[in-house]
Amino acid sequence: MKIIGLEEHLVTDRIADAWQAAAGTAPDDPALQFALRGPSPSGLLDLGDERLKAMDEVGMDVQVLSLTTPGLQRLTPAAAVPLQTELPRTGRSHRRRARADRLGQLGALVREHSPVTAHGTP
């Protein structure tokens, strides 16, 4: 039987940069600090060896990744909508480099801001 971790959090560099640039986001915001530093030295940005090692240490076979809080909802539509495709693009790239059999991914949509789908088309 496989052990699968659901909604294991991640963030990408571009999304972290957008959070830091967003109006009203304090540099010491706890969610931002955890996303950037998290439980490992590279925080939730790591989708490589550190994450796989941590999975192995607890006997987890697969992680299904999802964007951590605050997600895309706190960003303006102009900033959030283009980032909807960031996770699938980044996830595919990292899964190819790591092990596609170990990492899966959930999408992130900004439905209240735009009719744009995860693929960037209406």
C-alpha atoms as a PDB file:
ATOM      1  CA  MET A   1       0.000   0.000   0.000  1.00  0.00           C
ATOM      2  CA  LYS A   2       1.273   3.476  -0.876  1.00  0.00           C
ATOM      3  CA  ILE A   3       1.301   6.301   1.681  1.00  0.00           C
ATOM      4  CA  ILE A   4       0.089   9.512  -0.004  1.00  0.00           C
ATOM      5  CA  GLY A   5       0.265  12.980   1.533  1.00  0.00           C
ATOM      6  CA  LEU A   6      -2.494  15.266   0.217  1.00  0.00           C
ATOM      7  CA  GLU A   7      -2.235  19.039  -0.031  1.00  0.00           C
ATOM      8  CA  GLU A   8       1.456  19.149   0.840  1.00  0.00           C
ATOM      9  CA  HIS A   9       2.299  22.831   0.539  1.00  0.00           C
ATOM     10  CA  LEU A  10       4.632  24.534  -1.890  1.00  0.00           C
ATOM     11  CA  VAL A  11       5.293  27.981  -3.306  1.00  0.00           C
ATOM     12  CA  THR A  12       7.235  29.154  -6.352  1.00  0.00           C
ATOM     13  CA  ASP A  13       9.722  32.017  -6.583  1.00  0.00           C
ATOM     14  CA  ARG A  14       7.399  34.065  -8.807  1.00  0.00           C
ATOM     15  CA  ILE A  15       4.431  33.655  -6.459  1.00  0.00           C
ATOM     16  CA  ALA A  16       6.553  34.488  -3.398  1.00  0.00           C
ATOM     17  CA  ASP A  17       7.794  37.623  -5.197  1.00  0.00           C
ATOM     18  CA  ALA A  18       4.203  38.619  -6.006  1.00  0.00           C
ATOM     19  CA  TRP A  19       3.198  38.184  -2.352  1.00  0.00           C
ATOM     20  CA  GLN A  20       6.075  40.366  -1.194  1.00  0.00           C
ATOM     21  CA  ALA A  21       5.180  43.061  -3.738  1.00  0.00           C
ATOM     22  CA  ALA A  22       1.448  43.024  -2.908  1.00  0.00           C
ATOM     23  CA  ALA A  23       0.065  46.069  -1.188  1.00  0.00           C
ATOM     24  CA  GLY A  24      -0.669  45.454   2.458  1.00  0.00           C
ATOM     25  CA  THR A  25       1.674  42.475   2.881  1.00  0.00           C
ATOM     26  CA  ALA A  26       3.936  43.089   5.836  1.00  0.00           C
ATOM     27  CA  PRO A  27       7.456  41.646   5.550  1.00  0.00           C
ATOM     28  CA  ASP A  28       6.920  39.872   8.875  1.00  0.00           C
ATOM     29  CA  ASP A  29       3.561  38.340   7.842  1.00  0.00           C
ATOM     30  CA  PRO A  30       3.585  34.859   9.486  1.00  0.00           C
ATOM     31  CA  ALA A  31       2.153  33.064   6.438  1.00  0.00           C
ATOM     32  CA  LEU A  32       4.717  34.663   4.155  1.00  0.00           C
ATOM     33  CA  GLN A  33       7.579  33.863   6.514  1.00  0.00           C
ATOM     34  CA  PHE A  34       6.526  30.223   6.843  1.00  0.00           C
ATOM     35  CA  ALA A  35       6.154  29.870   3.065  1.00  0.00           C
ATOM     36  CA  LEU A  36       9.611  31.303   2.479  1.00  0.00           C
ATOM     37  CA  ARG A  37      11.408  29.556   5.336  1.00  0.00           C
ATOM     38  CA  GLY A  38       9.078  26.704   6.284  1.00  0.00           C
ATOM     39  CA  PRO A  39      10.270  23.514   7.904  1.00  0.00           C
ATOM     40  CA  SER A  40      13.460  23.306   5.825  1.00  0.00           C
ATOM     41  CA  PRO A  41      16.229  25.767   4.900  1.00  0.00           C
ATOM     42  CA  SER A  42      14.710  26.321   1.465  1.00  0.00           C
ATOM     43  CA  GLY A  43      11.188  26.536   2.859  1.00  0.00           C
ATOM     44  CA  LEU A  44       8.297  25.477   0.701  1.00  0.00           C
ATOM     45  CA  LEU A  45      10.207  26.391  -2.464  1.00  0.00           C
ATOM     46  CA  ASP A  46      11.981  23.018  -2.466  1.00  0.00           C
ATOM     47  CA  LEU A  47      10.654  20.358  -4.815  1.00  0.00           C
ATOM     48  CA  GLY A  48      13.879  18.409  -5.059  1.00  0.00           C
ATOM     49  CA  ASP A  49      16.194  16.359  -2.921  1.00  0.00           C
ATOM     50  CA  GLU A  50      15.292  17.908   0.467  1.00  0.00           C
ATOM     51  CA  ARG A  51      11.593  17.225  -0.046  1.00  0.00           C
ATOM     52  CA  LEU A  52      12.203  13.686  -1.274  1.00  0.00           C
ATOM     53  CA  LYS A  53      14.525  12.991   1.669  1.00  0.00           C
ATOM     54  CA  ALA A  54      11.893  14.261   4.132  1.00  0.00           C
ATOM     55  CA  MET A  55       9.295  12.047   2.467  1.00  0.00           C
ATOM     56  CA  ASP A  56      11.590   9.038   2.756  1.00  0.00           C
ATOM     57  CA  GLU A  57      12.250   9.750   6.443  1.00  0.00           C
ATOM     58  CA  VAL A  58       8.541   9.419   7.273  1.00  0.00           C
ATOM     59  CA  GLY A  59       7.747   6.651   4.794  1.00  0.00           C
ATOM     60  CA  MET A  60       5.675   8.802   2.433  1.00  0.00           C
ATOM     61  CA  ASP A  61       5.579   7.456  -1.118  1.00  0.00           C
ATOM     62  CA  VAL A  62       3.794  10.328  -2.898  1.00  0.00           C
ATOM     63  CA  GLN A  63       2.986  13.975  -2.183  1.00  0.00           C
ATOM     64  CA  VAL A  64       0.126  15.791  -3.903  1.00  0.00           C
ATOM     65  CA  LEU A  65       1.293  19.408  -3.832  1.00  0.00           C
ATOM     66  CA  SER A  66      -0.841  22.524  -3.438  1.00  0.00           C
ATOM     67  CA  LEU A  67      -0.093  26.227  -3.210  1.00  0.00           C
ATOM     68  CA  THR A  68       0.255  27.350   0.388  1.00  0.00           C
ATOM     69  CA  THR A  69      -1.613  30.227   1.982  1.00  0.00           C
ATOM     70  CA  PRO A  70      -2.227  33.043   1.158  1.00  0.00           C
ATOM     71  CA  GLY A  71      -2.646  31.540  -2.298  1.00  0.00           C
ATOM     72  CA  LEU A  72      -3.474  33.856  -5.168  1.00  0.00           C
ATOM     73  CA  GLN A  73      -6.569  35.461  -3.671  1.00  0.00           C
ATOM     74  CA  ARG A  74      -4.758  38.335  -1.939  1.00  0.00           C
ATOM     75  CA  LEU A  75      -3.178  39.481  -5.192  1.00  0.00           C
ATOM     76  CA  THR A  76      -4.720  41.876  -7.684  1.00  0.00           C
ATOM     77  CA  PRO A  77      -6.297  40.259 -10.746  1.00  0.00           C
ATOM     78  CA  ALA A  78      -3.447  41.603 -12.887  1.00  0.00           C
ATOM     79  CA  ALA A  79      -0.910  39.800 -10.691  1.00  0.00           C
ATOM     80  CA  ALA A  80      -2.944  36.688  -9.860  1.00  0.00           C
ATOM     81  CA  VAL A  81      -4.331  35.583 -13.214  1.00  0.00           C
ATOM     82  CA  PRO A  82      -0.959  35.023 -14.954  1.00  0.00           C
ATOM     83  CA  LEU A  83       0.269  33.079 -11.922  1.00  0.00           C
ATOM     84  CA  GLN A  84      -2.519  30.499 -12.296  1.00  0.00           C
ATOM     85  CA  THR A  85      -0.342  28.718 -14.841  1.00  0.00           C
ATOM     86  CA  GLU A  86       2.800  29.026 -12.691  1.00  0.00           C
ATOM     87  CA  LEU A  87       2.060  25.931 -10.603  1.00  0.00           C
ATOM     88  CA  PRO A  88       1.380  23.490 -13.439  1.00  0.00           C
ATOM     89  CA  ARG A  89       4.411  24.751 -15.376  1.00  0.00           C
ATOM     90  CA  THR A  90       6.735  24.685 -12.359  1.00  0.00           C
ATOM     91  CA  GLY A  91       5.362  21.403 -11.089  1.00  0.00           C
ATOM     92  CA  ARG A  92       5.897  19.609 -14.397  1.00  0.00           C
ATOM     93  CA  SER A  93       9.455  20.924 -14.601  1.00  0.00           C
ATOM     94  CA  HIS A  94      10.324  19.839 -11.052  1.00  0.00           C
ATOM     95  CA  ARG A  95       8.611  16.476 -11.391  1.00  0.00           C
ATOM     96  CA  ARG A  96      10.721  15.744 -14.461  1.00  0.00           C
ATOM     97  CA  ARG A  97      13.883  16.620 -12.518  1.00  0.00           C
ATOM     98  CA  ALA A  98      12.828  14.817  -9.342  1.00  0.00           C
ATOM     99  CA  ARG A  99      10.683  11.734  -9.746  1.00  0.00           C
ATOM    100  CA  ALA A 100       7.341  11.971 -11.474  1.00  0.00           C
ATOM    101  CA  ASP A 101       6.124   8.954  -9.502  1.00  0.00           C
ATOM    102  CA  ARG A 102       6.648  10.795  -6.182  1.00  0.00           C
ATOM    103  CA  LEU A 103       5.071  14.239  -6.780  1.00  0.00           C
ATOM    104  CA  GLY A 104       1.589  15.146  -7.987  1.00  0.00           C
ATOM    105  CA  GLN A 105      -0.094  18.538  -7.962  1.00  0.00           C
ATOM    106  CA  LEU A 106      -3.361  20.394  -7.465  1.00  0.00           C
ATOM    107  CA  GLY A 107      -4.088  23.550  -9.471  1.00  0.00           C
ATOM    108  CA  ALA A 108      -4.815  27.069  -8.212  1.00  0.00           C
ATOM    109  CA  LEU A 109      -7.585  29.175  -9.726  1.00  0.00           C
ATOM    110  CA  VAL A 110      -8.576  32.764  -9.062  1.00  0.00           C
ATOM    111  CA  ARG A 111     -12.232  32.361  -9.853  1.00  0.00           C
ATOM    112  CA  GLU A 112     -13.535  35.510  -8.210  1.00  0.00           C
ATOM    113  CA  HIS A 113     -11.173  37.668 -10.275  1.00  0.00           C
ATOM    114  CA  SER A 114     -11.359  36.294 -13.786  1.00  0.00           C
ATOM    115  CA  PRO A 115     -13.009  33.799 -16.118  1.00  0.00           C
ATOM    116  CA  VAL A 116      -9.534  32.652 -17.168  1.00  0.00           C
ATOM    117  CA  THR A 117      -8.937  28.930 -16.691  1.00  0.00           C
ATOM    118  CA  ALA A 118      -5.829  27.230 -15.398  1.00  0.00           C
ATOM    119  CA  HIS A 119      -4.612  27.046 -18.996  1.00  0.00           C
ATOM    120  CA  GLY A 120      -4.899  30.798 -19.513  1.00  0.00           C
ATOM    121  CA  THR A 121      -7.827  30.798 -21.920  1.00  0.00           C
ATOM    122  CA  PRO A 122     -11.486  31.682 -21.354  1.00  0.00           C
END
